[in-house]
Amino acid sequence: MFTGLIQKVGTVKRVSRGRGLVLEVAADTPWGRPLELGESIAVNGVCLTVVKCEGSRFTADVLQETEARTVLAELVPGAKVNLERALRAGDAMGGHIVQGHVDGCGTIIAKEPKGRDFQLRIRCGRVLAAQSVLKGSITVDGVSLTISVIGDDWLGVDLIPTTATETTLGAKRVGDRVNLEGDIVGKYIAKAAAPRAGLTEEALRRAGFA
């Protein structure tokens, strides 16, 4: 589990596409505690497992399912990525509950200045937009953000200067694709509220409900 508070920005050092996608990434600054084999780390919001590590550099395999659902397959050597290590018991919960399980890819459709801040508008599709709420949380390339506006198939998030400079989002441009993960609470509520197959008004009457 993660919080969406980015700890490091890293650089993609190597991309291998042999029998499957493999990423080698190095944090731009040293980690406070050494990386460990088998630990989880979010790369642009995608939970990956460290299979090799040395210093600030690590290697992770990417599942075919993950490759199909995220923007990781578009990474090239030299690309900057947001990094967050998994939450440990006792750590501060400063963002929101993030699983690292990306729902899909979004496309930035607008980047508008708002005084010292700026707003990103992202086309996310109707399903994720319907599951989102104004002032609720969304994870964009691993960054926990608050939704400031919602449309039928898009949403907007505002970024303060610190978020823009301490993550990769400040360099994003219109047309760029990003990984999106909706709030897990909202997804469970949407699942529970969805009409169930066979549950109709007539079926309820037959069961004795007036």
C-alpha atoms as a PDB file:
ATOM      1  CA  MET A   1       0.000   0.000   0.000  1.00  0.00           C
ATOM      2  CA  PHE A   2       1.121   3.555  -0.752  1.00  0.00           C
ATOM      3  CA  THR A   3       0.047   7.106   0.067  1.00  0.00           C
ATOM      4  CA  GLY A   4       0.632   8.978  -3.183  1.00  0.00           C
ATOM      5  CA  LEU A   5       3.282  11.183  -1.566  1.00  0.00           C
ATOM      6  CA  ILE A   6       6.262  10.924  -3.885  1.00  0.00           C
ATOM      7  CA  GLN A   7       9.564  10.240  -2.118  1.00  0.00           C
ATOM      8  CA  LYS A   8      11.977  10.460  -5.042  1.00  0.00           C
ATOM      9  CA  VAL A   9      12.104  11.257  -8.718  1.00  0.00           C
ATOM     10  CA  GLY A  10      14.083   8.636 -10.618  1.00  0.00           C
ATOM     11  CA  THR A  11      15.553   8.145 -14.065  1.00  0.00           C
ATOM     12  CA  VAL A  12      14.939   5.138 -16.291  1.00  0.00           C
ATOM     13  CA  LYS A  13      18.361   3.657 -17.049  1.00  0.00           C
ATOM     14  CA  ARG A  14      17.434   0.638 -19.131  1.00  0.00           C
ATOM     15  CA  VAL A  15      14.354  -0.800 -20.827  1.00  0.00           C
ATOM     16  CA  SER A  16      14.428  -4.447 -21.899  1.00  0.00           C
ATOM     17  CA  ARG A  17      11.708  -5.925 -24.122  1.00  0.00           C
ATOM     18  CA  GLY A  18      12.925  -9.507 -24.546  1.00  0.00           C
ATOM     19  CA  ARG A  19      10.471 -12.079 -23.170  1.00  0.00           C
ATOM     20  CA  GLY A  20       8.758  -9.318 -21.190  1.00  0.00           C
ATOM     21  CA  LEU A  21       9.168  -5.697 -20.177  1.00  0.00           C
ATOM     22  CA  VAL A  22      11.943  -5.090 -17.632  1.00  0.00           C
ATOM     23  CA  LEU A  23      12.759  -1.646 -16.205  1.00  0.00           C
ATOM     24  CA  GLU A  24      15.951  -0.516 -14.528  1.00  0.00           C
ATOM     25  CA  VAL A  25      15.495   2.707 -12.581  1.00  0.00           C
ATOM     26  CA  ALA A  26      17.792   4.796 -10.405  1.00  0.00           C
ATOM     27  CA  ALA A  27      16.600   7.317  -7.834  1.00  0.00           C
ATOM     28  CA  ASP A  28      18.136  10.744  -8.503  1.00  0.00           C
ATOM     29  CA  THR A  29      19.163  11.021  -4.823  1.00  0.00           C
ATOM     30  CA  PRO A  30      20.155   8.283  -2.321  1.00  0.00           C
ATOM     31  CA  TRP A  31      17.494   6.415  -0.367  1.00  0.00           C
ATOM     32  CA  GLY A  32      17.412   6.895   3.402  1.00  0.00           C
ATOM     33  CA  ARG A  33      17.472   3.116   3.921  1.00  0.00           C
ATOM     34  CA  PRO A  34      18.768   0.524   1.465  1.00  0.00           C
ATOM     35  CA  LEU A  35      16.412  -1.047  -1.030  1.00  0.00           C
ATOM     36  CA  GLU A  36      15.583  -4.700  -0.395  1.00  0.00           C
ATOM     37  CA  LEU A  37      14.945  -7.570  -2.781  1.00  0.00           C
ATOM     38  CA  GLY A  38      11.237  -8.359  -3.010  1.00  0.00           C
ATOM     39  CA  GLU A  39       9.992  -5.045  -1.687  1.00  0.00           C
ATOM     40  CA  SER A  40       7.265  -3.123  -3.468  1.00  0.00           C
ATOM     41  CA  ILE A  41       7.897   0.233  -5.053  1.00  0.00           C
ATOM     42  CA  ALA A  42       5.501   2.413  -7.024  1.00  0.00           C
ATOM     43  CA  VAL A  43       6.872   3.640 -10.354  1.00  0.00           C
ATOM     44  CA  ASN A  44       4.604   6.361 -11.741  1.00  0.00           C
ATOM     45  CA  GLY A  45       1.896   4.904  -9.528  1.00  0.00           C
ATOM     46  CA  VAL A  46       2.376   1.274 -10.594  1.00  0.00           C
ATOM     47  CA  CYS A  47       3.238  -1.213  -7.853  1.00  0.00           C
ATOM     48  CA  LEU A  48       6.306  -3.207  -8.942  1.00  0.00           C
ATOM     49  CA  THR A  49       8.528  -5.733  -7.163  1.00  0.00           C
ATOM     50  CA  VAL A  50      12.251  -5.115  -6.787  1.00  0.00           C
ATOM     51  CA  VAL A  51      14.017  -8.146  -8.321  1.00  0.00           C
ATOM     52  CA  LYS A  52      17.518  -6.682  -8.272  1.00  0.00           C
ATOM     53  CA  CYS A  53      18.995  -3.689  -6.483  1.00  0.00           C
ATOM     54  CA  GLU A  54      22.285  -1.945  -5.889  1.00  0.00           C
ATOM     55  CA  GLY A  55      22.541   1.422  -4.176  1.00  0.00           C
ATOM     56  CA  SER A  56      19.825   3.719  -5.492  1.00  0.00           C
ATOM     57  CA  ARG A  57      19.252   1.559  -8.590  1.00  0.00           C
ATOM     58  CA  PHE A  58      16.732  -1.271  -8.925  1.00  0.00           C
ATOM     59  CA  THR A  59      15.298  -3.581 -11.552  1.00  0.00           C
ATOM     60  CA  ALA A  60      11.634  -4.617 -11.829  1.00  0.00           C
ATOM     61  CA  ASP A  61       9.719  -6.968 -14.109  1.00  0.00           C
ATOM     62  CA  VAL A  62       6.449  -5.686 -15.580  1.00  0.00           C
ATOM     63  CA  LEU A  63       3.531  -8.073 -16.019  1.00  0.00           C
ATOM     64  CA  GLN A  64       1.909  -8.208 -19.459  1.00  0.00           C
ATOM     65  CA  GLU A  65      -1.364  -7.143 -17.811  1.00  0.00           C
ATOM     66  CA  THR A  66       0.386  -4.161 -16.235  1.00  0.00           C
ATOM     67  CA  GLU A  67       2.036  -3.271 -19.531  1.00  0.00           C
ATOM     68  CA  ALA A  68      -1.362  -3.277 -21.249  1.00  0.00           C
ATOM     69  CA  ARG A  69      -3.121  -1.130 -18.641  1.00  0.00           C
ATOM     70  CA  THR A  70      -0.462   1.497 -17.895  1.00  0.00           C
ATOM     71  CA  VAL A  71       1.896   3.906 -19.595  1.00  0.00           C
ATOM     72  CA  LEU A  72       5.010   2.028 -18.424  1.00  0.00           C
ATOM     73  CA  ALA A  73       5.482   0.468 -21.870  1.00  0.00           C
ATOM     74  CA  GLU A  74       6.051   3.976 -23.269  1.00  0.00           C
ATOM     75  CA  LEU A  75       9.041   4.683 -21.007  1.00  0.00           C
ATOM     76  CA  VAL A  76      12.469   5.083 -22.609  1.00  0.00           C
ATOM     77  CA  PRO A  77      15.944   5.443 -21.108  1.00  0.00           C
ATOM     78  CA  GLY A  78      16.333   8.912 -19.638  1.00  0.00           C
ATOM     79  CA  ALA A  79      12.640   9.299 -18.770  1.00  0.00           C
ATOM     80  CA  LYS A  80      11.854  10.710 -15.333  1.00  0.00           C
ATOM     81  CA  VAL A  81       9.510   8.735 -13.055  1.00  0.00           C
ATOM     82  CA  ASN A  82       7.865   9.243  -9.673  1.00  0.00           C
ATOM     83  CA  LEU A  83       8.950   6.788  -6.974  1.00  0.00           C
ATOM     84  CA  GLU A  84       7.374   5.777  -3.666  1.00  0.00           C
ATOM     85  CA  ARG A  85       8.297   2.849  -1.461  1.00  0.00           C
ATOM     86  CA  ALA A  86       5.523   0.849   0.177  1.00  0.00           C
ATOM     87  CA  LEU A  87       4.034   2.135   3.417  1.00  0.00           C
ATOM     88  CA  ARG A  88       5.331   0.487   6.588  1.00  0.00           C
ATOM     89  CA  ALA A  89       3.491   0.044   9.893  1.00  0.00           C
ATOM     90  CA  GLY A  90       3.846   3.265  11.860  1.00  0.00           C
ATOM     91  CA  ASP A  91       4.515   5.491   8.843  1.00  0.00           C
ATOM     92  CA  ALA A  92       2.514   8.703   8.541  1.00  0.00           C
ATOM     93  CA  MET A  93      -0.537   8.466   6.258  1.00  0.00           C
ATOM     94  CA  GLY A  94      -0.263  11.849   4.588  1.00  0.00           C
ATOM     95  CA  GLY A  95      -1.955  11.309   1.225  1.00  0.00           C
ATOM     96  CA  HIS A  96      -4.716   8.760   0.669  1.00  0.00           C
ATOM     97  CA  ILE A  97      -4.911   4.967   0.345  1.00  0.00           C
ATOM     98  CA  VAL A  98      -3.178   4.046  -2.911  1.00  0.00           C
ATOM     99  CA  GLN A  99      -2.864   0.426  -4.027  1.00  0.00           C
ATOM    100  CA  GLY A 100      -0.568   0.916  -6.977  1.00  0.00           C
ATOM    101  CA  HIS A 101      -3.154  -0.873  -9.123  1.00  0.00           C
ATOM    102  CA  VAL A 102      -3.730   1.493 -12.033  1.00  0.00           C
ATOM    103  CA  ASP A 103      -7.277   1.687 -13.408  1.00  0.00           C
ATOM    104  CA  GLY A 104      -6.209   2.982 -16.776  1.00  0.00           C
ATOM    105  CA  CYS A 105      -4.436   5.671 -18.761  1.00  0.00           C
ATOM    106  CA  GLY A 106      -5.572   9.258 -19.055  1.00  0.00           C
ATOM    107  CA  THR A 107      -4.580  11.995 -21.476  1.00  0.00           C
ATOM    108  CA  ILE A 108      -3.831  15.585 -20.455  1.00  0.00           C
ATOM    109  CA  ILE A 109      -6.177  17.840 -22.406  1.00  0.00           C
ATOM    110  CA  ALA A 110      -5.362  21.180 -20.766  1.00  0.00           C
ATOM    111  CA  LYS A 111      -2.719  22.785 -18.557  1.00  0.00           C
ATOM    112  CA  GLU A 112      -3.896  26.140 -17.248  1.00  0.00           C
ATOM    113  CA  PRO A 113      -2.104  28.534 -14.870  1.00  0.00           C
ATOM    114  CA  LYS A 114      -4.044  29.617 -11.769  1.00  0.00           C
ATOM    115  CA  GLY A 115      -1.926  32.307 -10.142  1.00  0.00           C
ATOM    116  CA  ARG A 116       1.117  30.572  -8.608  1.00  0.00           C
ATOM    117  CA  ASP A 117      -0.532  27.169  -9.193  1.00  0.00           C
ATOM    118  CA  PHE A 118      -1.768  25.407 -12.310  1.00  0.00           C
ATOM    119  CA  GLN A 119      -4.541  22.980 -13.196  1.00  0.00           C
ATOM    120  CA  LEU A 120      -4.243  19.798 -15.225  1.00  0.00           C
ATOM    121  CA  ARG A 121      -7.368  18.594 -16.976  1.00  0.00           C
ATOM    122  CA  ILE A 122      -7.218  14.910 -17.826  1.00  0.00           C
ATOM    123  CA  ARG A 123      -9.502  12.834 -20.044  1.00  0.00           C
ATOM    124  CA  CYS A 124     -10.091   9.737 -17.909  1.00  0.00           C
ATOM    125  CA  GLY A 125     -13.132   8.042 -19.459  1.00  0.00           C
ATOM    126  CA  ARG A 126     -16.717   7.943 -18.245  1.00  0.00           C
ATOM    127  CA  VAL A 127     -16.312   5.089 -15.754  1.00  0.00           C
ATOM    128  CA  LEU A 128     -13.549   6.694 -13.696  1.00  0.00           C
ATOM    129  CA  ALA A 129     -15.190  10.118 -13.931  1.00  0.00           C
ATOM    130  CA  ALA A 130     -18.459   8.635 -12.588  1.00  0.00           C
ATOM    131  CA  GLN A 131     -16.622   7.002  -9.673  1.00  0.00           C
ATOM    132  CA  SER A 132     -14.893  10.263  -8.749  1.00  0.00           C
ATOM    133  CA  VAL A 133     -16.245  13.039  -6.546  1.00  0.00           C
ATOM    134  CA  LEU A 134     -15.467  16.731  -6.261  1.00  0.00           C
ATOM    135  CA  LYS A 135     -12.761  17.255  -3.597  1.00  0.00           C
ATOM    136  CA  GLY A 136     -12.120  13.506  -3.591  1.00  0.00           C
ATOM    137  CA  SER A 137      -8.757  11.899  -4.294  1.00  0.00           C
ATOM    138  CA  ILE A 138      -7.163  10.660  -7.504  1.00  0.00           C
ATOM    139  CA  THR A 139      -3.678   9.310  -8.175  1.00  0.00           C
ATOM    140  CA  VAL A 140      -1.957  10.740 -11.267  1.00  0.00           C
ATOM    141  CA  ASP A 141       1.335   9.029 -12.121  1.00  0.00           C
ATOM    142  CA  GLY A 142       1.562   8.029  -8.476  1.00  0.00           C
ATOM    143  CA  VAL A 143       0.829  11.493  -7.061  1.00  0.00           C
ATOM    144  CA  SER A 144      -2.080  11.878  -4.629  1.00  0.00           C
ATOM    145  CA  LEU A 145      -4.152  14.865  -5.762  1.00  0.00           C
ATOM    146  CA  THR A 146      -7.505  16.451  -4.965  1.00  0.00           C
ATOM    147  CA  ILE A 147     -10.121  16.629  -7.714  1.00  0.00           C
ATOM    148  CA  SER A 148     -11.127  20.248  -8.302  1.00  0.00           C
ATOM    149  CA  VAL A 149     -13.527  19.820 -11.228  1.00  0.00           C
ATOM    150  CA  ILE A 150     -15.256  16.894 -12.975  1.00  0.00           C
ATOM    151  CA  GLY A 151     -16.792  16.484 -16.424  1.00  0.00           C
ATOM    152  CA  ASP A 152     -18.539  13.564 -18.120  1.00  0.00           C
ATOM    153  CA  ASP A 153     -15.276  11.887 -19.125  1.00  0.00           C
ATOM    154  CA  TRP A 154     -12.586  14.140 -17.660  1.00  0.00           C
ATOM    155  CA  LEU A 155     -11.457  15.637 -14.377  1.00  0.00           C
ATOM    156  CA  GLY A 156      -9.183  18.412 -13.202  1.00  0.00           C
ATOM    157  CA  VAL A 157      -6.570  18.614 -10.453  1.00  0.00           C
ATOM    158  CA  ASP A 158      -4.715  21.665  -9.143  1.00  0.00           C
ATOM    159  CA  LEU A 159      -0.985  21.543  -8.376  1.00  0.00           C
ATOM    160  CA  ILE A 160       0.940  23.760  -5.976  1.00  0.00           C
ATOM    161  CA  PRO A 161       4.513  24.735  -6.945  1.00  0.00           C
ATOM    162  CA  THR A 162       6.058  22.131  -4.613  1.00  0.00           C
ATOM    163  CA  THR A 163       4.134  19.287  -6.259  1.00  0.00           C
ATOM    164  CA  ALA A 164       5.086  20.589  -9.690  1.00  0.00           C
ATOM    165  CA  THR A 165       8.802  20.754  -8.882  1.00  0.00           C
ATOM    166  CA  GLU A 166       9.145  17.673  -6.649  1.00  0.00           C
ATOM    167  CA  THR A 167       7.358  15.290  -9.071  1.00  0.00           C
ATOM    168  CA  THR A 168       7.260  14.779 -12.820  1.00  0.00           C
ATOM    169  CA  LEU A 169       3.875  16.477 -13.184  1.00  0.00           C
ATOM    170  CA  GLY A 170       5.275  19.986 -13.559  1.00  0.00           C
ATOM    171  CA  ALA A 171       6.878  18.976 -16.865  1.00  0.00           C
ATOM    172  CA  LYS A 172       3.743  17.379 -18.307  1.00  0.00           C
ATOM    173  CA  ARG A 173       2.300  18.822 -21.504  1.00  0.00           C
ATOM    174  CA  VAL A 174      -1.025  18.634 -23.302  1.00  0.00           C
ATOM    175  CA  GLY A 175      -1.256  15.270 -25.057  1.00  0.00           C
ATOM    176  CA  ASP A 176       0.907  13.410 -22.542  1.00  0.00           C
ATOM    177  CA  ARG A 177      -0.540  10.190 -21.135  1.00  0.00           C
ATOM    178  CA  VAL A 178      -0.580   9.417 -17.411  1.00  0.00           C
ATOM    179  CA  ASN A 179      -1.452   6.509 -15.123  1.00  0.00           C
ATOM    180  CA  LEU A 180      -4.656   6.964 -13.141  1.00  0.00           C
ATOM    181  CA  GLU A 181      -5.880   5.174 -10.028  1.00  0.00           C
ATOM    182  CA  GLY A 182      -9.245   6.111  -8.570  1.00  0.00           C
ATOM    183  CA  ASP A 183     -10.015   6.221  -4.867  1.00  0.00           C
ATOM    184  CA  ILE A 184     -10.492   2.637  -3.644  1.00  0.00           C
ATOM    185  CA  VAL A 185     -13.364   3.722  -1.369  1.00  0.00           C
ATOM    186  CA  GLY A 186     -15.238   5.224  -4.314  1.00  0.00           C
ATOM    187  CA  LYS A 187     -14.759   2.061  -6.375  1.00  0.00           C
ATOM    188  CA  TYR A 188     -16.188  -0.163  -3.642  1.00  0.00           C
ATOM    189  CA  ILE A 189     -19.176   2.153  -3.212  1.00  0.00           C
ATOM    190  CA  ALA A 190     -19.811   2.133  -6.975  1.00  0.00           C
ATOM    191  CA  LYS A 191     -19.636  -1.670  -6.981  1.00  0.00           C
ATOM    192  CA  ALA A 192     -22.084  -1.959  -4.079  1.00  0.00           C
ATOM    193  CA  ALA A 193     -24.518   0.527  -5.610  1.00  0.00           C
ATOM    194  CA  ALA A 194     -24.518  -1.036  -9.089  1.00  0.00           C
ATOM    195  CA  PRO A 195     -27.735  -2.849 -10.111  1.00  0.00           C
ATOM    196  CA  ARG A 196     -27.385  -6.599  -9.630  1.00  0.00           C
ATOM    197  CA  ALA A 197     -28.349  -9.095 -12.302  1.00  0.00           C
ATOM    198  CA  GLY A 198     -31.843 -10.446 -11.745  1.00  0.00           C
ATOM    199  CA  LEU A 199     -32.672  -7.947  -8.999  1.00  0.00           C
ATOM    200  CA  THR A 200     -35.731  -6.135 -10.338  1.00  0.00           C
ATOM    201  CA  GLU A 201     -38.805  -4.526  -8.833  1.00  0.00           C
ATOM    202  CA  GLU A 202     -40.905  -7.517  -9.935  1.00  0.00           C
ATOM    203  CA  ALA A 203     -38.445  -9.974  -8.359  1.00  0.00           C
ATOM    204  CA  LEU A 204     -38.612  -8.082  -5.071  1.00  0.00           C
ATOM    205  CA  ARG A 205     -42.441  -8.208  -5.108  1.00  0.00           C
ATOM    206  CA  ARG A 206     -42.379 -11.963  -5.715  1.00  0.00           C
ATOM    207  CA  ALA A 207     -40.045 -12.305  -2.734  1.00  0.00           C
ATOM    208  CA  GLY A 208     -42.590 -10.588  -0.489  1.00  0.00           C
ATOM    209  CA  PHE A 209     -41.281  -7.018  -0.541  1.00  0.00           C
ATOM    210  CA  ALA A 210     -44.151  -4.607  -1.101  1.00  0.00           C
END
